[in-house]
């Protein structure tokens, strides 16, 4: 006996074209869906952390900043020994990108005893009626030497900014970093590990990019 191979039913007319069309539709759907899922994942990381969906997923998280703050503050506690009229306070800082983004540690240098300080004239800045006091170069340098290595170890950026003193009645004393920043960094206009602001229309600040750079203090000429 000779057995003939089993033969299935003949394909219906147009069936092959239908299958090919379905395969093309599925392939096109994958091309559209996969990037969308990947993009959504990029948004979800910052959102789950309470940050802006437009923040870079690789930026510092709230947990990283919370862990770094007490360590930076411990390092700053001796800054007042340089000049008891000043103190340095570690706080959380962020930009606004339709929500918090670019999270960092901000070191605020604040006048503690304005009676021991001499008010300065900054007619180039908006007049808010509050007295301004110049932060000594030694105090700024001490704050940087204390905070930058710790921020680098914790992989978070640290900005040193002028702060507000304790109000006396309706008067709030203001710190001014411009002259001290200029004294330390006037020749560092090509630095990449940090940036500075000083001079006319600036209260002065230093931004150390310690999340992505190492040996930042050395780059500042302070290490």
C-alpha atoms as a PDB file:
ATOM      1  CA  UNK A   1       0.000   0.000   0.000  1.00  0.00           C
ATOM      2  CA  UNK A   2       1.249   3.413  -0.874  1.00  0.00           C
ATOM      3  CA  UNK A   3       0.336   6.198   1.491  1.00  0.00           C
ATOM      4  CA  UNK A   4      -0.059   9.592  -0.053  1.00  0.00           C
ATOM      5  CA  UNK A   5       1.081  12.566   2.076  1.00  0.00           C
ATOM      6  CA  UNK A   6      -1.742  14.299   3.840  1.00  0.00           C
ATOM      7  CA  UNK A   7      -2.831  17.398   2.064  1.00  0.00           C
ATOM      8  CA  UNK A   8      -4.573  20.211   3.969  1.00  0.00           C
ATOM      9  CA  UNK A   9      -7.392  22.232   2.667  1.00  0.00           C
ATOM     10  CA  UNK A  10      -6.512  24.602  -0.111  1.00  0.00           C
ATOM     11  CA  UNK A  11      -5.880  28.157   1.077  1.00  0.00           C
ATOM     12  CA  UNK A  12      -8.788  30.480   0.613  1.00  0.00           C
ATOM     13  CA  UNK A  13      -8.322  33.175  -1.991  1.00  0.00           C
ATOM     14  CA  UNK A  14      -6.665  36.281  -0.572  1.00  0.00           C
ATOM     15  CA  UNK A  15      -5.630  34.572   2.701  1.00  0.00           C
ATOM     16  CA  UNK A  16      -1.890  35.040   2.118  1.00  0.00           C
ATOM     17  CA  UNK A  17      -2.359  38.727   1.451  1.00  0.00           C
ATOM     18  CA  UNK A  18      -4.440  39.029   4.636  1.00  0.00           C
ATOM     19  CA  UNK A  19      -1.727  37.356   6.746  1.00  0.00           C
ATOM     20  CA  UNK A  20       0.997  39.536   5.282  1.00  0.00           C
ATOM     21  CA  UNK A  21      -1.061  42.653   5.996  1.00  0.00           C
ATOM     22  CA  UNK A  22      -1.581  41.592   9.629  1.00  0.00           C
ATOM     23  CA  UNK A  23       2.158  40.989  10.053  1.00  0.00           C
ATOM     24  CA  UNK A  24       2.916  44.461   8.700  1.00  0.00           C
ATOM     25  CA  UNK A  25       0.391  46.030  11.087  1.00  0.00           C
ATOM     26  CA  UNK A  26       1.911  44.220  14.083  1.00  0.00           C
ATOM     27  CA  UNK A  27       5.444  45.213  13.071  1.00  0.00           C
ATOM     28  CA  UNK A  28       4.392  48.858  12.671  1.00  0.00           C
ATOM     29  CA  UNK A  29       2.706  48.777  16.088  1.00  0.00           C
ATOM     30  CA  UNK A  30       5.915  47.537  17.701  1.00  0.00           C
ATOM     31  CA  UNK A  31       7.909  50.293  16.008  1.00  0.00           C
ATOM     32  CA  UNK A  32       5.550  52.885  17.508  1.00  0.00           C
ATOM     33  CA  UNK A  33       4.978  51.325  20.925  1.00  0.00           C
ATOM     34  CA  UNK A  34       8.528  50.379  21.978  1.00  0.00           C
ATOM     35  CA  UNK A  35       9.952  53.936  21.859  1.00  0.00           C
ATOM     36  CA  UNK A  36       6.842  55.206  23.653  1.00  0.00           C
ATOM     37  CA  UNK A  37       7.341  52.689  26.448  1.00  0.00           C
ATOM     38  CA  UNK A  38      11.010  53.608  26.725  1.00  0.00           C
ATOM     39  CA  UNK A  39      10.174  57.317  26.853  1.00  0.00           C
ATOM     40  CA  UNK A  40       7.515  56.721  29.494  1.00  0.00           C
ATOM     41  CA  UNK A  41      10.104  54.860  31.546  1.00  0.00           C
ATOM     42  CA  UNK A  42      12.392  57.898  31.402  1.00  0.00           C
ATOM     43  CA  UNK A  43       9.573  60.053  32.746  1.00  0.00           C
ATOM     44  CA  UNK A  44       8.508  57.586  35.424  1.00  0.00           C
ATOM     45  CA  UNK A  45      11.802  57.543  37.349  1.00  0.00           C
ATOM     46  CA  UNK A  46      11.765  61.252  38.244  1.00  0.00           C
ATOM     47  CA  UNK A  47       7.970  61.230  38.742  1.00  0.00           C
ATOM     48  CA  UNK A  48       8.134  58.376  41.245  1.00  0.00           C
ATOM     49  CA  UNK A  49      10.812  60.374  43.086  1.00  0.00           C
ATOM     50  CA  UNK A  50       8.565  63.447  43.284  1.00  0.00           C
ATOM     51  CA  UNK A  51      10.622  65.322  40.689  1.00  0.00           C
ATOM     52  CA  UNK A  52       9.682  66.948  37.416  1.00  0.00           C
ATOM     53  CA  UNK A  53       9.095  64.463  34.577  1.00  0.00           C
ATOM     54  CA  UNK A  54      11.511  66.616  32.587  1.00  0.00           C
ATOM     55  CA  UNK A  55      14.359  66.079  35.047  1.00  0.00           C
ATOM     56  CA  UNK A  56      17.176  63.843  33.823  1.00  0.00           C
ATOM     57  CA  UNK A  57      16.703  60.348  35.312  1.00  0.00           C
ATOM     58  CA  UNK A  58      20.424  60.290  36.148  1.00  0.00           C
ATOM     59  CA  UNK A  59      20.213  63.481  38.236  1.00  0.00           C
ATOM     60  CA  UNK A  60      20.405  63.323  42.020  1.00  0.00           C
ATOM     61  CA  UNK A  61      17.364  61.829  43.749  1.00  0.00           C
ATOM     62  CA  UNK A  62      15.621  63.184  46.815  1.00  0.00           C
ATOM     63  CA  UNK A  63      17.059  60.300  48.835  1.00  0.00           C
ATOM     64  CA  UNK A  64      20.595  61.200  47.768  1.00  0.00           C
ATOM     65  CA  UNK A  65      20.104  64.834  48.783  1.00  0.00           C
ATOM     66  CA  UNK A  66      18.533  63.848  52.116  1.00  0.00           C
ATOM     67  CA  UNK A  67      21.491  61.549  52.846  1.00  0.00           C
ATOM     68  CA  UNK A  68      24.061  64.192  51.894  1.00  0.00           C
ATOM     69  CA  UNK A  69      22.613  67.131  53.850  1.00  0.00           C
ATOM     70  CA  UNK A  70      23.604  66.090  57.408  1.00  0.00           C
ATOM     71  CA  UNK A  71      27.068  65.057  56.228  1.00  0.00           C
ATOM     72  CA  UNK A  72      27.666  68.407  54.545  1.00  0.00           C
ATOM     73  CA  UNK A  73      26.317  70.262  57.570  1.00  0.00           C
ATOM     74  CA  UNK A  74      28.650  68.371  59.890  1.00  0.00           C
ATOM     75  CA  UNK A  75      31.559  69.468  57.720  1.00  0.00           C
ATOM     76  CA  UNK A  76      30.338  73.083  57.776  1.00  0.00           C
ATOM     77  CA  UNK A  77      29.987  73.386  61.524  1.00  0.00           C
ATOM     78  CA  UNK A  78      33.539  74.689  61.914  1.00  0.00           C
ATOM     79  CA  UNK A  79      33.139  77.499  59.376  1.00  0.00           C
ATOM     80  CA  UNK A  80      32.042  79.829  62.181  1.00  0.00           C
ATOM     81  CA  UNK A  81      35.455  79.380  63.789  1.00  0.00           C
ATOM     82  CA  UNK A  82      36.948  81.368  60.899  1.00  0.00           C
ATOM     83  CA  UNK A  83      34.710  84.341  61.697  1.00  0.00           C
ATOM     84  CA  UNK A  84      32.013  84.082  64.409  1.00  0.00           C
ATOM     85  CA  UNK A  85      29.943  86.763  62.641  1.00  0.00           C
ATOM     86  CA  UNK A  86      29.056  84.196  59.936  1.00  0.00           C
ATOM     87  CA  UNK A  87      27.639  80.708  59.642  1.00  0.00           C
ATOM     88  CA  UNK A  88      27.129  78.209  56.804  1.00  0.00           C
ATOM     89  CA  UNK A  89      23.907  76.203  56.539  1.00  0.00           C
ATOM     90  CA  UNK A  90      23.305  73.207  54.260  1.00  0.00           C
ATOM     91  CA  UNK A  91      19.865  73.108  52.633  1.00  0.00           C
ATOM     92  CA  UNK A  92      18.220  71.331  49.712  1.00  0.00           C
ATOM     93  CA  UNK A  93      17.989  73.274  46.469  1.00  0.00           C
ATOM     94  CA  UNK A  94      16.364  72.700  43.080  1.00  0.00           C
ATOM     95  CA  UNK A  95      15.377  74.367  39.839  1.00  0.00           C
ATOM     96  CA  UNK A  96      11.804  74.462  38.538  1.00  0.00           C
ATOM     97  CA  UNK A  97      11.122  72.523  35.329  1.00  0.00           C
ATOM     98  CA  UNK A  98       7.347  72.224  35.812  1.00  0.00           C
ATOM     99  CA  UNK A  99       8.361  70.527  39.036  1.00  0.00           C
ATOM    100  CA  UNK A 100      11.586  70.118  40.986  1.00  0.00           C
ATOM    101  CA  UNK A 101      14.659  69.330  38.872  1.00  0.00           C
ATOM    102  CA  UNK A 102      18.433  69.528  39.169  1.00  0.00           C
ATOM    103  CA  UNK A 103      18.301  68.714  42.880  1.00  0.00           C
ATOM    104  CA  UNK A 104      21.389  69.727  44.848  1.00  0.00           C
ATOM    105  CA  UNK A 105      22.801  70.763  48.204  1.00  0.00           C
ATOM    106  CA  UNK A 106      22.879  74.530  48.707  1.00  0.00           C
ATOM    107  CA  UNK A 107      25.247  76.013  51.261  1.00  0.00           C
ATOM    108  CA  UNK A 108      23.853  79.330  52.446  1.00  0.00           C
ATOM    109  CA  UNK A 109      26.370  81.694  54.061  1.00  0.00           C
ATOM    110  CA  UNK A 110      24.491  83.885  56.519  1.00  0.00           C
ATOM    111  CA  UNK A 111      25.362  86.843  58.773  1.00  0.00           C
ATOM    112  CA  UNK A 112      24.966  85.924  62.437  1.00  0.00           C
ATOM    113  CA  UNK A 113      25.999  89.155  64.116  1.00  0.00           C
ATOM    114  CA  UNK A 114      25.425  92.194  61.849  1.00  0.00           C
ATOM    115  CA  UNK A 115      26.503  94.526  64.669  1.00  0.00           C
ATOM    116  CA  UNK A 116      30.067  93.257  64.123  1.00  0.00           C
ATOM    117  CA  UNK A 117      29.907  93.900  60.366  1.00  0.00           C
ATOM    118  CA  UNK A 118      30.113  96.931  58.106  1.00  0.00           C
ATOM    119  CA  UNK A 119      27.278  97.483  55.665  1.00  0.00           C
ATOM    120  CA  UNK A 120      28.288  97.733  52.014  1.00  0.00           C
ATOM    121  CA  UNK A 121      26.755  99.786  49.215  1.00  0.00           C
ATOM    122  CA  UNK A 122      25.499  97.738  46.244  1.00  0.00           C
ATOM    123  CA  UNK A 123      23.630 100.361  44.235  1.00  0.00           C
ATOM    124  CA  UNK A 124      23.857  98.044  41.194  1.00  0.00           C
ATOM    125  CA  UNK A 125      21.453  95.597  42.865  1.00  0.00           C
ATOM    126  CA  UNK A 126      17.714  96.114  43.409  1.00  0.00           C
ATOM    127  CA  UNK A 127      17.100  98.183  46.509  1.00  0.00           C
ATOM    128  CA  UNK A 128      14.969  96.202  48.937  1.00  0.00           C
ATOM    129  CA  UNK A 129      15.835  98.408  51.882  1.00  0.00           C
ATOM    130  CA  UNK A 130      17.757  95.659  53.681  1.00  0.00           C
ATOM    131  CA  UNK A 131      21.429  96.045  54.676  1.00  0.00           C
ATOM    132  CA  UNK A 132      24.040  94.000  52.826  1.00  0.00           C
ATOM    133  CA  UNK A 133      27.244  92.646  54.312  1.00  0.00           C
ATOM    134  CA  UNK A 134      30.265  91.314  52.447  1.00  0.00           C
ATOM    135  CA  UNK A 135      31.197  87.715  53.194  1.00  0.00           C
ATOM    136  CA  UNK A 136      34.955  87.523  53.923  1.00  0.00           C
ATOM    137  CA  UNK A 137      37.031  85.554  51.450  1.00  0.00           C
ATOM    138  CA  UNK A 138      38.252  83.277  54.252  1.00  0.00           C
ATOM    139  CA  UNK A 139      34.672  82.317  55.138  1.00  0.00           C
ATOM    140  CA  UNK A 140      33.785  81.474  51.533  1.00  0.00           C
ATOM    141  CA  UNK A 141      36.982  79.460  51.169  1.00  0.00           C
ATOM    142  CA  UNK A 142      36.296  77.555  54.407  1.00  0.00           C
ATOM    143  CA  UNK A 143      32.756  76.735  53.248  1.00  0.00           C
ATOM    144  CA  UNK A 144      34.033  75.382  49.941  1.00  0.00           C
ATOM    145  CA  UNK A 145      36.849  73.355  51.513  1.00  0.00           C
ATOM    146  CA  UNK A 146      34.353  71.823  53.940  1.00  0.00           C
ATOM    147  CA  UNK A 147      31.442  71.083  51.594  1.00  0.00           C
ATOM    148  CA  UNK A 148      32.897  70.210  48.186  1.00  0.00           C
ATOM    149  CA  UNK A 149      34.717  66.960  49.138  1.00  0.00           C
ATOM    150  CA  UNK A 150      31.656  65.647  50.981  1.00  0.00           C
ATOM    151  CA  UNK A 151      29.335  66.468  48.085  1.00  0.00           C
ATOM    152  CA  UNK A 152      31.761  64.744  45.731  1.00  0.00           C
ATOM    153  CA  UNK A 153      31.755  61.599  47.878  1.00  0.00           C
ATOM    154  CA  UNK A 154      27.933  61.628  47.875  1.00  0.00           C
ATOM    155  CA  UNK A 155      27.708  62.289  44.118  1.00  0.00           C
ATOM    156  CA  UNK A 156      25.572  65.397  44.450  1.00  0.00           C
ATOM    157  CA  UNK A 157      26.183  68.943  43.253  1.00  0.00           C
ATOM    158  CA  UNK A 158      26.756  71.695  45.814  1.00  0.00           C
ATOM    159  CA  UNK A 159      26.112  75.411  45.321  1.00  0.00           C
ATOM    160  CA  UNK A 160      27.410  78.063  47.723  1.00  0.00           C
ATOM    161  CA  UNK A 161      25.076  81.066  47.804  1.00  0.00           C
ATOM    162  CA  UNK A 162      24.525  84.240  49.840  1.00  0.00           C
ATOM    163  CA  UNK A 163      21.963  83.790  52.594  1.00  0.00           C
ATOM    164  CA  UNK A 164      19.716  85.803  54.885  1.00  0.00           C
ATOM    165  CA  UNK A 165      20.460  86.574  58.497  1.00  0.00           C
ATOM    166  CA  UNK A 166      17.991  86.409  61.355  1.00  0.00           C
ATOM    167  CA  UNK A 167      15.526  89.314  61.020  1.00  0.00           C
ATOM    168  CA  UNK A 168      15.829  92.103  63.561  1.00  0.00           C
ATOM    169  CA  UNK A 169      12.390  93.617  63.736  1.00  0.00           C
ATOM    170  CA  UNK A 170      11.473  94.273  60.108  1.00  0.00           C
ATOM    171  CA  UNK A 171      15.093  94.339  58.955  1.00  0.00           C
ATOM    172  CA  UNK A 172      16.669  91.225  57.412  1.00  0.00           C
ATOM    173  CA  UNK A 173      20.464  91.339  56.940  1.00  0.00           C
ATOM    174  CA  UNK A 174      21.724  90.021  53.597  1.00  0.00           C
ATOM    175  CA  UNK A 175      25.005  88.357  52.708  1.00  0.00           C
ATOM    176  CA  UNK A 176      26.934  89.323  49.582  1.00  0.00           C
ATOM    177  CA  UNK A 177      29.491  86.947  48.055  1.00  0.00           C
ATOM    178  CA  UNK A 178      30.456  88.882  44.940  1.00  0.00           C
ATOM    179  CA  UNK A 179      33.774  90.356  46.103  1.00  0.00           C
ATOM    180  CA  UNK A 180      34.937  87.092  47.724  1.00  0.00           C
ATOM    181  CA  UNK A 181      34.066  85.018  44.657  1.00  0.00           C
ATOM    182  CA  UNK A 182      35.973  87.456  42.475  1.00  0.00           C
ATOM    183  CA  UNK A 183      38.973  87.342  44.814  1.00  0.00           C
ATOM    184  CA  UNK A 184      39.107  83.553  44.596  1.00  0.00           C
ATOM    185  CA  UNK A 185      38.081  82.871  41.010  1.00  0.00           C
ATOM    186  CA  UNK A 186      38.586  85.938  38.821  1.00  0.00           C
ATOM    187  CA  UNK A 187      40.973  83.981  36.568  1.00  0.00           C
ATOM    188  CA  UNK A 188      38.955  80.740  36.330  1.00  0.00           C
ATOM    189  CA  UNK A 189      36.741  81.610  33.372  1.00  0.00           C
ATOM    190  CA  UNK A 190      37.434  78.291  31.588  1.00  0.00           C
ATOM    191  CA  UNK A 191      36.671  75.938  34.473  1.00  0.00           C
ATOM    192  CA  UNK A 192      34.377  72.989  33.714  1.00  0.00           C
ATOM    193  CA  UNK A 193      34.101  71.359  37.149  1.00  0.00           C
ATOM    194  CA  UNK A 194      32.537  74.493  38.625  1.00  0.00           C
ATOM    195  CA  UNK A 195      31.106  77.872  37.658  1.00  0.00           C
ATOM    196  CA  UNK A 196      30.952  81.233  39.417  1.00  0.00           C
ATOM    197  CA  UNK A 197      29.153  84.551  39.317  1.00  0.00           C
ATOM    198  CA  UNK A 198      30.421  87.881  40.614  1.00  0.00           C
ATOM    199  CA  UNK A 199      30.653  91.544  39.752  1.00  0.00           C
ATOM    200  CA  UNK A 200      28.026  94.084  38.790  1.00  0.00           C
ATOM    201  CA  UNK A 201      24.403  92.971  39.256  1.00  0.00           C
ATOM    202  CA  UNK A 202      25.495  89.753  41.000  1.00  0.00           C
ATOM    203  CA  UNK A 203      25.364  88.840  44.674  1.00  0.00           C
ATOM    204  CA  UNK A 204      27.909  86.127  43.911  1.00  0.00           C
ATOM    205  CA  UNK A 205      27.701  82.344  43.936  1.00  0.00           C
ATOM    206  CA  UNK A 206      29.804  79.219  43.321  1.00  0.00           C
ATOM    207  CA  UNK A 207      28.408  76.066  41.725  1.00  0.00           C
ATOM    208  CA  UNK A 208      30.474  72.897  42.132  1.00  0.00           C
ATOM    209  CA  UNK A 209      29.505  70.075  39.770  1.00  0.00           C
ATOM    210  CA  UNK A 210      30.530  67.360  42.179  1.00  0.00           C
ATOM    211  CA  UNK A 211      27.945  64.866  40.906  1.00  0.00           C
ATOM    212  CA  UNK A 212      29.773  64.377  37.620  1.00  0.00           C
ATOM    213  CA  UNK A 213      33.337  65.577  38.355  1.00  0.00           C
ATOM    214  CA  UNK A 214      36.113  64.515  40.716  1.00  0.00           C
ATOM    215  CA  UNK A 215      38.932  66.510  42.304  1.00  0.00           C
ATOM    216  CA  UNK A 216      36.773  69.630  42.107  1.00  0.00           C
ATOM    217  CA  UNK A 217      38.484  71.279  45.064  1.00  0.00           C
ATOM    218  CA  UNK A 218      41.832  70.896  43.315  1.00  0.00           C
ATOM    219  CA  UNK A 219      40.324  72.390  40.156  1.00  0.00           C
ATOM    220  CA  UNK A 220      39.342  75.382  42.275  1.00  0.00           C
ATOM    221  CA  UNK A 221      42.912  75.756  43.446  1.00  0.00           C
ATOM    222  CA  UNK A 222      41.861  75.008  47.028  1.00  0.00           C
ATOM    223  CA  UNK A 223      42.854  71.366  47.349  1.00  0.00           C
END
